[in-house]
C-alpha atoms as a PDB file:
ATOM      1  CA  UNK A   1     -12.965   5.933  -0.410  1.00  0.00           C
ATOM      2  CA  UNK A   2     -10.802   9.058  -1.092  1.00  0.00           C
ATOM      3  CA  UNK A   3      -7.142   8.041  -1.087  1.00  0.00           C
ATOM      4  CA  UNK A   4      -6.242  10.917   1.391  1.00  0.00           C
ATOM      5  CA  UNK A   5      -8.838   9.821   3.817  1.00  0.00           C
ATOM      6  CA  UNK A   6      -7.765   6.167   3.585  1.00  0.00           C
ATOM      7  CA  UNK A   7      -4.144   7.176   4.154  1.00  0.00           C
ATOM      8  CA  UNK A   8      -5.101   9.188   7.304  1.00  0.00           C
ATOM      9  CA  UNK A   9      -7.127   6.446   8.650  1.00  0.00           C
ATOM     10  CA  UNK A  10      -4.255   4.012   7.964  1.00  0.00           C
ATOM     11  CA  UNK A  11      -1.763   6.365   9.832  1.00  0.00           C
ATOM     12  CA  UNK A  12      -4.221   6.666  12.774  1.00  0.00           C
ATOM     13  CA  UNK A  13      -4.687   2.821  12.914  1.00  0.00           C
ATOM     14  CA  UNK A  14      -0.972   2.323  12.812  1.00  0.00           C
ATOM     15  CA  UNK A  15      -0.394   5.021  15.544  1.00  0.00           C
ATOM     16  CA  UNK A  16      -2.925   3.157  17.836  1.00  0.00           C
ATOM     17  CA  UNK A  17      -1.320  -0.283  17.195  1.00  0.00           C
ATOM     18  CA  UNK A  18       2.108   1.048  18.011  1.00  0.00           C
ATOM     19  CA  UNK A  19       0.783   2.844  21.131  1.00  0.00           C
ATOM     20  CA  UNK A  20      -0.674  -0.512  22.320  1.00  0.00           C
ATOM     21  CA  UNK A  21       2.622  -2.194  21.730  1.00  0.00           C
ATOM     22  CA  UNK A  22       4.396   0.581  23.635  1.00  0.00           C
ATOM     23  CA  UNK A  23       1.990   0.421  26.590  1.00  0.00           C
ATOM     24  CA  UNK A  24       1.727  -3.389  26.399  1.00  0.00           C
ATOM     25  CA  UNK A  25      -1.963  -2.918  27.252  1.00  0.00           C
ATOM     26  CA  UNK A  26      -3.093  -5.789  25.168  1.00  0.00           C
ATOM     27  CA  UNK A  27      -1.419  -8.249  22.793  1.00  0.00           C
ATOM     28  CA  UNK A  28      -1.502  -7.053  19.156  1.00  0.00           C
ATOM     29  CA  UNK A  29      -3.471  -9.499  16.977  1.00  0.00           C
ATOM     30  CA  UNK A  30      -1.405 -11.166  14.234  1.00  0.00           C
ATOM     31  CA  UNK A  31      -4.509 -10.929  11.841  1.00  0.00           C
ATOM     32  CA  UNK A  32      -5.848  -8.143   9.835  1.00  0.00           C
ATOM     33  CA  UNK A  33      -5.921  -4.474  10.839  1.00  0.00           C
ATOM     34  CA  UNK A  34      -8.838  -2.925  12.690  1.00  0.00           C
ATOM     35  CA  UNK A  35     -12.212  -3.668  10.908  1.00  0.00           C
ATOM     36  CA  UNK A  36     -13.270  -0.981   8.364  1.00  0.00           C
ATOM     37  CA  UNK A  37      -9.708   0.285   7.850  1.00  0.00           C
ATOM     38  CA  UNK A  38      -8.706  -2.144   5.214  1.00  0.00           C
ATOM     39  CA  UNK A  39     -10.392  -2.688   1.831  1.00  0.00           C
ATOM     40  CA  UNK A  40     -10.823  -6.445   1.243  1.00  0.00           C
ATOM     41  CA  UNK A  41     -10.349  -7.816  -2.301  1.00  0.00           C
ATOM     42  CA  UNK A  42     -13.663  -9.334  -3.550  1.00  0.00           C
ATOM     43  CA  UNK A  43     -14.124 -11.297  -6.687  1.00  0.00           C
ATOM     44  CA  UNK A  44     -16.722  -9.688  -8.994  1.00  0.00           C
ATOM     45  CA  UNK A  45     -18.890 -11.263 -11.564  1.00  0.00           C
ATOM     46  CA  UNK A  46     -18.176 -10.617 -15.249  1.00  0.00           C
ATOM     47  CA  UNK A  47     -18.630  -6.908 -15.888  1.00  0.00           C
ATOM     48  CA  UNK A  48     -18.968  -4.941 -19.024  1.00  0.00           C
ATOM     49  CA  UNK A  49     -16.006  -6.543 -20.615  1.00  0.00           C
ATOM     50  CA  UNK A  50     -18.138  -9.761 -20.661  1.00  0.00           C
ATOM     51  CA  UNK A  51     -17.277 -13.464 -20.127  1.00  0.00           C
ATOM     52  CA  UNK A  52     -15.796 -13.800 -23.513  1.00  0.00           C
ATOM     53  CA  UNK A  53     -12.656 -11.807 -22.781  1.00  0.00           C
ATOM     54  CA  UNK A  54      -9.779 -13.389 -24.880  1.00  0.00           C
ATOM     55  CA  UNK A  55      -7.546 -14.116 -21.772  1.00  0.00           C
ATOM     56  CA  UNK A  56      -9.907 -16.726 -20.257  1.00  0.00           C
ATOM     57  CA  UNK A  57      -9.198 -15.548 -16.675  1.00  0.00           C
ATOM     58  CA  UNK A  58     -12.186 -13.103 -16.063  1.00  0.00           C
ATOM     59  CA  UNK A  59     -13.624 -15.361 -13.489  1.00  0.00           C
ATOM     60  CA  UNK A  60     -10.669 -14.405 -11.293  1.00  0.00           C
ATOM     61  CA  UNK A  61     -11.027 -10.728 -11.563  1.00  0.00           C
ATOM     62  CA  UNK A  62     -11.046  -8.829  -8.261  1.00  0.00           C
ATOM     63  CA  UNK A  63     -11.003  -5.227  -7.109  1.00  0.00           C
ATOM     64  CA  UNK A  64     -10.555  -3.848  -3.612  1.00  0.00           C
ATOM     65  CA  UNK A  65     -13.012  -0.927  -4.187  1.00  0.00           C
ATOM     66  CA  UNK A  66     -15.652  -0.870  -1.551  1.00  0.00           C
ATOM     67  CA  UNK A  67     -18.512   0.082  -3.886  1.00  0.00           C
ATOM     68  CA  UNK A  68     -19.917  -2.641  -6.132  1.00  0.00           C
ATOM     69  CA  UNK A  69     -20.281  -0.255  -9.120  1.00  0.00           C
ATOM     70  CA  UNK A  70     -16.666   1.034  -8.621  1.00  0.00           C
ATOM     71  CA  UNK A  71     -15.415  -2.589  -8.508  1.00  0.00           C
ATOM     72  CA  UNK A  72     -17.145  -3.390 -11.788  1.00  0.00           C
ATOM     73  CA  UNK A  73     -15.910  -0.215 -13.468  1.00  0.00           C
ATOM     74  CA  UNK A  74     -12.245  -0.795 -12.410  1.00  0.00           C
ATOM     75  CA  UNK A  75     -12.350  -4.438 -13.659  1.00  0.00           C
ATOM     76  CA  UNK A  76     -13.854  -3.451 -16.976  1.00  0.00           C
ATOM     77  CA  UNK A  77     -11.185  -0.732 -17.324  1.00  0.00           C
ATOM     78  CA  UNK A  78      -8.523  -3.323 -16.852  1.00  0.00           C
ATOM     79  CA  UNK A  79     -10.040  -5.537 -19.469  1.00  0.00           C
ATOM     80  CA  UNK A  80     -10.211  -2.621 -22.004  1.00  0.00           C
ATOM     81  CA  UNK A  81      -6.525  -1.650 -21.130  1.00  0.00           C
ATOM     82  CA  UNK A  82      -5.434  -5.211 -21.738  1.00  0.00           C
ATOM     83  CA  UNK A  83      -6.843  -4.894 -25.201  1.00  0.00           C
ATOM     84  CA  UNK A  84      -4.871  -1.651 -25.857  1.00  0.00           C
ATOM     85  CA  UNK A  85      -7.466   1.023 -24.989  1.00  0.00           C
ATOM     86  CA  UNK A  86      -5.320   3.954 -24.009  1.00  0.00           C
ATOM     87  CA  UNK A  87      -8.175   5.989 -22.537  1.00  0.00           C
ATOM     88  CA  UNK A  88      -9.005   3.027 -20.274  1.00  0.00           C
ATOM     89  CA  UNK A  89      -5.408   2.930 -19.040  1.00  0.00           C
ATOM     90  CA  UNK A  90      -5.451   6.586 -18.412  1.00  0.00           C
ATOM     91  CA  UNK A  91      -8.412   6.212 -16.264  1.00  0.00           C
ATOM     92  CA  UNK A  92      -6.603   3.439 -14.239  1.00  0.00           C
ATOM     93  CA  UNK A  93      -3.657   5.829 -13.870  1.00  0.00           C
ATOM     94  CA  UNK A  94      -5.887   8.495 -12.412  1.00  0.00           C
ATOM     95  CA  UNK A  95      -7.296   5.932  -9.898  1.00  0.00           C
ATOM     96  CA  UNK A  96      -4.149   4.215  -8.827  1.00  0.00           C
ATOM     97  CA  UNK A  97      -1.680   6.979  -9.085  1.00  0.00           C
ATOM     98  CA  UNK A  98      -2.068   8.413  -5.559  1.00  0.00           C
ATOM     99  CA  UNK A  99      -1.716   4.875  -4.123  1.00  0.00           C
ATOM    100  CA  UNK A 100       1.426   3.991  -6.007  1.00  0.00           C
ATOM    101  CA  UNK A 101       2.957   7.403  -5.314  1.00  0.00           C
ATOM    102  CA  UNK A 102       2.365   7.275  -1.520  1.00  0.00           C
ATOM    103  CA  UNK A 103       3.824   3.809  -1.418  1.00  0.00           C
ATOM    104  CA  UNK A 104       7.011   4.952  -3.203  1.00  0.00           C
ATOM    105  CA  UNK A 105       7.294   8.052  -1.116  1.00  0.00           C
ATOM    106  CA  UNK A 106       7.131   6.072   2.159  1.00  0.00           C
ATOM    107  CA  UNK A 107       9.669   3.759   0.623  1.00  0.00           C
ATOM    108  CA  UNK A 108      12.088   6.549  -0.578  1.00  0.00           C
ATOM    109  CA  UNK A 109      11.165   9.605   1.489  1.00  0.00           C
ATOM    110  CA  UNK A 110      11.935  11.714  -1.601  1.00  0.00           C
ATOM    111  CA  UNK A 111       9.393  13.610  -3.557  1.00  0.00           C
ATOM    112  CA  UNK A 112      11.498  13.677  -6.773  1.00  0.00           C
ATOM    113  CA  UNK A 113      12.559  10.043  -6.610  1.00  0.00           C
ATOM    114  CA  UNK A 114       8.991   8.953  -5.737  1.00  0.00           C
ATOM    115  CA  UNK A 115       7.597  10.928  -8.777  1.00  0.00           C
ATOM    116  CA  UNK A 116      10.199   9.472 -11.086  1.00  0.00           C
ATOM    117  CA  UNK A 117       9.595   5.934  -9.870  1.00  0.00           C
ATOM    118  CA  UNK A 118       5.819   6.321 -10.079  1.00  0.00           C
ATOM    119  CA  UNK A 119       6.037   7.357 -13.664  1.00  0.00           C
ATOM    120  CA  UNK A 120       8.386   4.430 -14.428  1.00  0.00           C
ATOM    121  CA  UNK A 121       5.787   2.089 -12.607  1.00  0.00           C
ATOM    122  CA  UNK A 122       2.998   3.178 -14.951  1.00  0.00           C
ATOM    123  CA  UNK A 123       5.226   3.049 -18.024  1.00  0.00           C
ATOM    124  CA  UNK A 124       6.226  -0.510 -17.382  1.00  0.00           C
ATOM    125  CA  UNK A 125       2.613  -1.373 -16.478  1.00  0.00           C
ATOM    126  CA  UNK A 126       1.497   0.063 -19.893  1.00  0.00           C
ATOM    127  CA  UNK A 127       4.092  -1.956 -21.717  1.00  0.00           C
ATOM    128  CA  UNK A 128       3.067  -5.080 -19.912  1.00  0.00           C
ATOM    129  CA  UNK A 129      -0.694  -4.766 -20.022  1.00  0.00           C
ATOM    130  CA  UNK A 130      -1.097  -7.681 -22.417  1.00  0.00           C
ATOM    131  CA  UNK A 131       0.729  -9.892 -20.083  1.00  0.00           C
ATOM    132  CA  UNK A 132      -1.420  -9.060 -16.988  1.00  0.00           C
ATOM    133  CA  UNK A 133      -3.458 -11.850 -15.724  1.00  0.00           C
ATOM    134  CA  UNK A 134      -6.138 -11.838 -13.106  1.00  0.00           C
ATOM    135  CA  UNK A 135      -5.108 -13.968 -10.023  1.00  0.00           C
ATOM    136  CA  UNK A 136      -7.952 -13.123  -7.647  1.00  0.00           C
ATOM    137  CA  UNK A 137      -6.206  -9.843  -6.622  1.00  0.00           C
ATOM    138  CA  UNK A 138      -6.655  -6.159  -7.217  1.00  0.00           C
ATOM    139  CA  UNK A 139      -4.983  -4.645 -10.247  1.00  0.00           C
ATOM    140  CA  UNK A 140      -3.317  -2.268  -7.656  1.00  0.00           C
ATOM    141  CA  UNK A 141      -1.403  -5.147  -6.116  1.00  0.00           C
ATOM    142  CA  UNK A 142       0.193  -5.862  -9.562  1.00  0.00           C
ATOM    143  CA  UNK A 143       1.219  -2.181  -9.765  1.00  0.00           C
ATOM    144  CA  UNK A 144       2.676  -2.379  -6.226  1.00  0.00           C
ATOM    145  CA  UNK A 145       4.752  -5.335  -7.314  1.00  0.00           C
ATOM    146  CA  UNK A 146       6.260  -3.415 -10.176  1.00  0.00           C
ATOM    147  CA  UNK A 147       6.785  -0.321  -7.854  1.00  0.00           C
ATOM    148  CA  UNK A 148       8.514  -2.349  -5.143  1.00  0.00           C
ATOM    149  CA  UNK A 149      10.747  -4.121  -7.714  1.00  0.00           C
ATOM    150  CA  UNK A 150      11.747  -0.731  -9.046  1.00  0.00           C
ATOM    151  CA  UNK A 151      12.808   0.513  -5.707  1.00  0.00           C
ATOM    152  CA  UNK A 152      14.787  -2.690  -5.033  1.00  0.00           C
ATOM    153  CA  UNK A 153      16.614  -2.263  -8.430  1.00  0.00           C
ATOM    154  CA  UNK A 154      17.137   1.499  -7.684  1.00  0.00           C
ATOM    155  CA  UNK A 155      18.818   0.953  -4.294  1.00  0.00           C
ATOM    156  CA  UNK A 156      20.858  -1.997  -5.508  1.00  0.00           C
ATOM    157  CA  UNK A 157      22.323  -0.075  -8.452  1.00  0.00           C
ATOM    158  CA  UNK A 158      24.916   1.619  -6.311  1.00  0.00           C
ATOM    159  CA  UNK A 159      23.777   5.063  -7.789  1.00  0.00           C
ATOM    160  CA  UNK A 160      22.378   6.247  -4.567  1.00  0.00           C
ATOM    161  CA  UNK A 161      22.626   5.538  -0.755  1.00  0.00           C
ATOM    162  CA  UNK A 162      19.416   4.511   0.975  1.00  0.00           C
ATOM    163  CA  UNK A 163      18.901   7.286   3.540  1.00  0.00           C
ATOM    164  CA  UNK A 164      16.144   9.559   4.769  1.00  0.00           C
ATOM    165  CA  UNK A 165      15.840  12.875   3.233  1.00  0.00           C
ATOM    166  CA  UNK A 166      14.635  16.111   5.028  1.00  0.00           C
ATOM    167  CA  UNK A 167      11.880  17.102   2.733  1.00  0.00           C
ATOM    168  CA  UNK A 168       8.847  18.771   4.075  1.00  0.00           C
ATOM    169  CA  UNK A 169       6.498  16.117   5.389  1.00  0.00           C
ATOM    170  CA  UNK A 170       3.629  18.628   5.500  1.00  0.00           C
ATOM    171  CA  UNK A 171       3.183  18.085   1.829  1.00  0.00           C
ATOM    172  CA  UNK A 172       1.916  14.616   2.485  1.00  0.00           C
ATOM    173  CA  UNK A 173       0.625  14.073   6.000  1.00  0.00           C
ATOM    174  CA  UNK A 174      -1.427  16.211   8.303  1.00  0.00           C
ATOM    175  CA  UNK A 175      -0.419  15.557  11.880  1.00  0.00           C
ATOM    176  CA  UNK A 176      -3.630  14.709  13.911  1.00  0.00           C
ATOM    177  CA  UNK A 177      -3.477  15.598  17.615  1.00  0.00           C
ATOM    178  CA  UNK A 178      -5.173  13.125  20.066  1.00  0.00           C
ATOM    179  CA  UNK A 179      -5.853  13.475  23.713  1.00  0.00           C
ATOM    180  CA  UNK A 180      -6.646   9.946  24.250  1.00  0.00           C
ATOM    181  CA  UNK A 181      -3.469   9.537  26.428  1.00  0.00           C
ATOM    182  CA  UNK A 182       0.013  10.932  26.582  1.00  0.00           C
ATOM    183  CA  UNK A 183       1.656   8.246  24.610  1.00  0.00           C
ATOM    184  CA  UNK A 184      -0.824   8.470  21.663  1.00  0.00           C
ATOM    185  CA  UNK A 185      -0.616  12.285  21.752  1.00  0.00           C
ATOM    186  CA  UNK A 186       3.163  12.326  21.578  1.00  0.00           C
ATOM    187  CA  UNK A 187       3.257   9.650  18.884  1.00  0.00           C
ATOM    188  CA  UNK A 188       2.645  12.042  15.927  1.00  0.00           C
ATOM    189  CA  UNK A 189       2.439  10.917  12.371  1.00  0.00           C
ATOM    190  CA  UNK A 190       5.911  12.364  11.704  1.00  0.00           C
ATOM    191  CA  UNK A 191       7.478  10.535  14.575  1.00  0.00           C
ATOM    192  CA  UNK A 192       5.882   7.251  13.333  1.00  0.00           C
ATOM    193  CA  UNK A 193       6.976   7.687   9.794  1.00  0.00           C
ATOM    194  CA  UNK A 194      10.552   8.569  10.777  1.00  0.00           C
ATOM    195  CA  UNK A 195      10.705   5.285  12.870  1.00  0.00           C
ATOM    196  CA  UNK A 196       9.058   3.437   9.852  1.00  0.00           C
ATOM    197  CA  UNK A 197      12.114   4.215   7.791  1.00  0.00           C
ATOM    198  CA  UNK A 198      14.362   2.281  10.217  1.00  0.00           C
ATOM    199  CA  UNK A 199      12.563  -1.052   9.731  1.00  0.00           C
ATOM    200  CA  UNK A 200      13.792  -3.718   7.469  1.00  0.00           C
ATOM    201  CA  UNK A 201      12.598  -3.249   3.879  1.00  0.00           C
ATOM    202  CA  UNK A 202      10.195  -6.175   4.093  1.00  0.00           C
ATOM    203  CA  UNK A 203       8.650  -5.086   7.356  1.00  0.00           C
ATOM    204  CA  UNK A 204       8.296  -1.525   6.188  1.00  0.00           C
ATOM    205  CA  UNK A 205       6.761  -2.523   2.895  1.00  0.00           C
ATOM    206  CA  UNK A 206       4.341  -4.851   4.675  1.00  0.00           C
ATOM    207  CA  UNK A 207       3.151  -2.106   7.165  1.00  0.00           C
ATOM    208  CA  UNK A 208       3.006   0.476   4.360  1.00  0.00           C
ATOM    209  CA  UNK A 209       0.755  -1.858   2.216  1.00  0.00           C
ATOM    210  CA  UNK A 210      -1.377  -3.181   4.995  1.00  0.00           C
ATOM    211  CA  UNK A 211      -1.986   0.174   6.919  1.00  0.00           C
ATOM    212  CA  UNK A 212      -1.383   2.994   4.526  1.00  0.00           C
ATOM    213  CA  UNK A 213      -2.396   1.398   1.162  1.00  0.00           C
ATOM    214  CA  UNK A 214      -5.270  -0.806   2.367  1.00  0.00           C
ATOM    215  CA  UNK A 215      -4.123  -3.960   0.732  1.00  0.00           C
ATOM    216  CA  UNK A 216      -5.444  -7.302   2.038  1.00  0.00           C
ATOM    217  CA  UNK A 217      -3.359  -9.995   3.639  1.00  0.00           C
ATOM    218  CA  UNK A 218      -3.528 -12.068   0.335  1.00  0.00           C
ATOM    219  CA  UNK A 219      -2.746  -8.995  -1.823  1.00  0.00           C
ATOM    220  CA  UNK A 220       0.289  -8.051   0.320  1.00  0.00           C
ATOM    221  CA  UNK A 221       1.435 -11.680   0.304  1.00  0.00           C
ATOM    222  CA  UNK A 222       1.313 -11.681  -3.570  1.00  0.00           C
ATOM    223  CA  UNK A 223       3.413  -8.477  -3.777  1.00  0.00           C
ATOM    224  CA  UNK A 224       5.974  -9.719  -1.246  1.00  0.00           C
ATOM    225  CA  UNK A 225       6.092 -13.263  -2.547  1.00  0.00           C
ATOM    226  CA  UNK A 226       5.224 -14.665   0.850  1.00  0.00           C
ATOM    227  CA  UNK A 227       2.414 -16.840   2.398  1.00  0.00           C
ATOM    228  CA  UNK A 228      -0.608 -15.266   4.073  1.00  0.00           C
ATOM    229  CA  UNK A 229       0.783 -16.485   7.532  1.00  0.00           C
ATOM    230  CA  UNK A 230       4.196 -15.025   6.838  1.00  0.00           C
ATOM    231  CA  UNK A 231       2.607 -11.592   6.181  1.00  0.00           C
ATOM    232  CA  UNK A 232       0.596 -11.816   9.381  1.00  0.00           C
ATOM    233  CA  UNK A 233       3.884 -12.390  11.279  1.00  0.00           C
ATOM    234  CA  UNK A 234       5.604  -9.651   9.402  1.00  0.00           C
ATOM    235  CA  UNK A 235       2.891  -7.292  10.296  1.00  0.00           C
ATOM    236  CA  UNK A 236       3.079  -8.363  14.080  1.00  0.00           C
ATOM    237  CA  UNK A 237       6.895  -8.016  14.224  1.00  0.00           C
ATOM    238  CA  UNK A 238       6.772  -4.799  12.232  1.00  0.00           C
ATOM    239  CA  UNK A 239       4.479  -3.122  14.629  1.00  0.00           C
ATOM    240  CA  UNK A 240       6.464  -4.324  17.684  1.00  0.00           C
ATOM    241  CA  UNK A 241       9.808  -3.291  16.107  1.00  0.00           C
ATOM    242  CA  UNK A 242       8.241   0.082  15.216  1.00  0.00           C
ATOM    243  CA  UNK A 243       7.395   0.476  18.914  1.00  0.00           C
ATOM    244  CA  UNK A 244      10.980  -0.211  19.910  1.00  0.00           C
ATOM    245  CA  UNK A 245      12.235   2.411  17.471  1.00  0.00           C
ATOM    246  CA  UNK A 246      10.023   5.196  18.974  1.00  0.00           C
ATOM    247  CA  UNK A 247      12.186   7.808  20.835  1.00  0.00           C
ATOM    248  CA  UNK A 248      12.900   6.849  24.478  1.00  0.00           C
ATOM    249  CA  UNK A 249      10.917   9.815  25.863  1.00  0.00           C
ATOM    250  CA  UNK A 250       7.756   8.436  24.322  1.00  0.00           C
ATOM    251  CA  UNK A 251       8.006   4.985  25.809  1.00  0.00           C
END
């Protein structure tokens, strides 16, 4: 799936979840997001890298790509990159860069800072490739762990204050109008993203990874260092708290 399309669908799904919470029309399920919106990690059989990979963990290789051929390709690229193949790592960079950048942009709301942290994420990943081990999750989840740790370190350093910027949102998100009902129509992507910044770090990261990045419950749990059940509760509380943060005139 094209990254931009996945991001747009994720925003739309999050809008609808928040609208339901606002209207209290039905209880929000604590489980996964709407079917078809998320890409579920799937263990793939040994690909071109072969079962004799020196790390001995190829049986746990997984990718969240929907297409079987793409899953095998990405797993094979990771195996090659672990062995020092710079071209393979470059292809992984091309595939995962939009996903990592969008996560960091939603985390920082700064184009410049997101670009810098994205570069640092891949630089660190390149240095640590020999240490990467498959644990039944997508390679992208490992990158997200690095990216999230970088943001935590950055904001703890005291060099900056964690605050929203006023950069042009149009560079990243196309506001989609909906006539389904008044609340949903008023709840634009920009309003939603502004409210998202007011959540706790963990709730915001959970919603960004689950809805906007398409990570599974298990992958999100691995990044956050929480159990699957804890992630489901974080998602539930995050959506409900997001609804409370929506401007009064939209409630």
